[in-house]
């Protein structure tokens, strides 16, 4: 789950922003924390974004995410643009 991958509340907030910016959906902090694994989180995003035409895109994203280590995920999240108002 998110915590097993080294996640914490600040990273969850950054992930929430990145998901919103990339997928144009609002994922909640509880959804991130309660997702059993990355597949469950991806399914939540998919369910919030029913206009996705190609399920292969989601599978490709999941395959890419599954290959990341916790350190790589931290690096990705660190690259997120943020301003002073973003926690």
C-alpha atoms as a PDB file:
ATOM      1  CA  UNK A   1       0.000   0.000   0.000  1.00  0.00           C
ATOM      2  CA  UNK A   2       0.955   3.657  -0.060  1.00  0.00           C
ATOM      3  CA  UNK A   3       2.635   3.550   3.349  1.00  0.00           C
ATOM      4  CA  UNK A   4       4.543   0.354   2.531  1.00  0.00           C
ATOM      5  CA  UNK A   5       6.026   2.197  -0.443  1.00  0.00           C
ATOM      6  CA  UNK A   6       7.338   4.912   1.869  1.00  0.00           C
ATOM      7  CA  UNK A   7       4.361   7.228   1.542  1.00  0.00           C
ATOM      8  CA  UNK A   8       3.280   9.730   4.155  1.00  0.00           C
ATOM      9  CA  UNK A   9       0.721  12.521   4.387  1.00  0.00           C
ATOM     10  CA  UNK A  10       2.825  15.110   2.541  1.00  0.00           C
ATOM     11  CA  UNK A  11       3.498  12.729  -0.347  1.00  0.00           C
ATOM     12  CA  UNK A  12      -0.184  11.787  -0.422  1.00  0.00           C
ATOM     13  CA  UNK A  13      -1.115  15.443  -0.782  1.00  0.00           C
ATOM     14  CA  UNK A  14       1.399  15.849  -3.590  1.00  0.00           C
ATOM     15  CA  UNK A  15       0.089  12.699  -5.260  1.00  0.00           C
ATOM     16  CA  UNK A  16      -3.449  14.070  -4.992  1.00  0.00           C
ATOM     17  CA  UNK A  17      -2.357  17.222  -6.843  1.00  0.00           C
ATOM     18  CA  UNK A  18      -0.475  15.271  -9.493  1.00  0.00           C
ATOM     19  CA  UNK A  19      -3.439  12.960 -10.126  1.00  0.00           C
ATOM     20  CA  UNK A  20      -5.722  15.992 -10.402  1.00  0.00           C
ATOM     21  CA  UNK A  21      -3.397  17.723 -12.855  1.00  0.00           C
ATOM     22  CA  UNK A  22      -2.687  14.642 -14.971  1.00  0.00           C
ATOM     23  CA  UNK A  23      -6.051  12.864 -14.975  1.00  0.00           C
ATOM     24  CA  UNK A  24      -8.405  15.778 -14.243  1.00  0.00           C
ATOM     25  CA  UNK A  25     -10.007  13.952 -11.305  1.00  0.00           C
ATOM     26  CA  UNK A  26     -10.159  14.698  -7.597  1.00  0.00           C
ATOM     27  CA  UNK A  27      -8.867  11.753  -5.593  1.00  0.00           C
ATOM     28  CA  UNK A  28      -9.252  12.068  -1.831  1.00  0.00           C
ATOM     29  CA  UNK A  29      -6.639  11.498   0.847  1.00  0.00           C
ATOM     30  CA  UNK A  30      -8.717   8.667   2.364  1.00  0.00           C
ATOM     31  CA  UNK A  31      -8.847   6.981  -1.053  1.00  0.00           C
ATOM     32  CA  UNK A  32      -5.050   7.101  -1.252  1.00  0.00           C
ATOM     33  CA  UNK A  33      -4.577   5.858   2.312  1.00  0.00           C
ATOM     34  CA  UNK A  34      -7.218   3.129   2.072  1.00  0.00           C
ATOM     35  CA  UNK A  35      -6.208   1.700  -1.310  1.00  0.00           C
ATOM     36  CA  UNK A  36      -4.945  -1.826  -0.733  1.00  0.00           C
ATOM     37  CA  UNK A  37      -2.345  -1.472  -3.480  1.00  0.00           C
ATOM     38  CA  UNK A  38      -1.479   0.528  -6.585  1.00  0.00           C
ATOM     39  CA  UNK A  39      -3.978  -1.434  -8.655  1.00  0.00           C
ATOM     40  CA  UNK A  40      -6.788  -0.407  -6.300  1.00  0.00           C
ATOM     41  CA  UNK A  41      -5.693   3.225  -6.469  1.00  0.00           C
ATOM     42  CA  UNK A  42      -5.533   3.085 -10.266  1.00  0.00           C
ATOM     43  CA  UNK A  43      -9.011   1.548 -10.323  1.00  0.00           C
ATOM     44  CA  UNK A  44     -10.279   4.401  -8.143  1.00  0.00           C
ATOM     45  CA  UNK A  45      -8.805   6.921 -10.584  1.00  0.00           C
ATOM     46  CA  UNK A  46     -10.307   5.013 -13.508  1.00  0.00           C
ATOM     47  CA  UNK A  47     -13.719   4.990 -11.834  1.00  0.00           C
ATOM     48  CA  UNK A  48     -13.546   8.735 -11.293  1.00  0.00           C
ATOM     49  CA  UNK A  49     -12.664   9.239 -14.935  1.00  0.00           C
ATOM     50  CA  UNK A  50     -15.187   7.221 -16.943  1.00  0.00           C
ATOM     51  CA  UNK A  51     -14.418   9.051 -20.176  1.00  0.00           C
ATOM     52  CA  UNK A  52     -11.139   7.140 -20.576  1.00  0.00           C
ATOM     53  CA  UNK A  53     -11.515   5.368 -23.895  1.00  0.00           C
ATOM     54  CA  UNK A  54      -8.527   3.062 -23.833  1.00  0.00           C
ATOM     55  CA  UNK A  55      -8.154   0.734 -20.843  1.00  0.00           C
ATOM     56  CA  UNK A  56      -4.705  -0.151 -22.154  1.00  0.00           C
ATOM     57  CA  UNK A  57      -3.575   3.321 -21.062  1.00  0.00           C
ATOM     58  CA  UNK A  58      -4.451   2.466 -17.467  1.00  0.00           C
ATOM     59  CA  UNK A  59      -2.719  -0.894 -17.714  1.00  0.00           C
ATOM     60  CA  UNK A  60       0.370   0.795 -19.130  1.00  0.00           C
ATOM     61  CA  UNK A  61       0.359   3.326 -16.285  1.00  0.00           C
ATOM     62  CA  UNK A  62      -0.014   0.539 -13.731  1.00  0.00           C
ATOM     63  CA  UNK A  63       2.872  -1.372 -15.299  1.00  0.00           C
ATOM     64  CA  UNK A  64       5.044   1.735 -15.130  1.00  0.00           C
ATOM     65  CA  UNK A  65       4.100   2.469 -11.502  1.00  0.00           C
ATOM     66  CA  UNK A  66       4.596  -1.140 -10.476  1.00  0.00           C
ATOM     67  CA  UNK A  67       8.190  -0.981 -11.682  1.00  0.00           C
ATOM     68  CA  UNK A  68       9.102   1.961  -9.435  1.00  0.00           C
ATOM     69  CA  UNK A  69      10.870   1.528  -6.119  1.00  0.00           C
ATOM     70  CA  UNK A  70       9.840   3.591  -3.111  1.00  0.00           C
ATOM     71  CA  UNK A  71      12.865   5.836  -3.707  1.00  0.00           C
ATOM     72  CA  UNK A  72      11.898   6.355  -7.343  1.00  0.00           C
ATOM     73  CA  UNK A  73       8.346   7.249  -6.325  1.00  0.00           C
ATOM     74  CA  UNK A  74       9.751   9.744  -3.823  1.00  0.00           C
ATOM     75  CA  UNK A  75      11.896  11.284  -6.568  1.00  0.00           C
ATOM     76  CA  UNK A  76       8.903  11.520  -8.895  1.00  0.00           C
ATOM     77  CA  UNK A  77       6.824  13.178  -6.237  1.00  0.00           C
ATOM     78  CA  UNK A  78       9.667  15.559  -5.408  1.00  0.00           C
ATOM     79  CA  UNK A  79       9.623  16.754  -9.021  1.00  0.00           C
ATOM     80  CA  UNK A  80       6.017  17.874  -8.735  1.00  0.00           C
ATOM     81  CA  UNK A  81       5.557  21.581  -9.204  1.00  0.00           C
ATOM     82  CA  UNK A  82       4.233  23.269  -6.108  1.00  0.00           C
ATOM     83  CA  UNK A  83       3.841  26.727  -4.758  1.00  0.00           C
ATOM     84  CA  UNK A  84       4.109  28.068  -1.241  1.00  0.00           C
ATOM     85  CA  UNK A  85       0.402  27.412  -0.616  1.00  0.00           C
ATOM     86  CA  UNK A  86       0.727  23.711  -1.457  1.00  0.00           C
ATOM     87  CA  UNK A  87       1.497  21.533   1.572  1.00  0.00           C
END
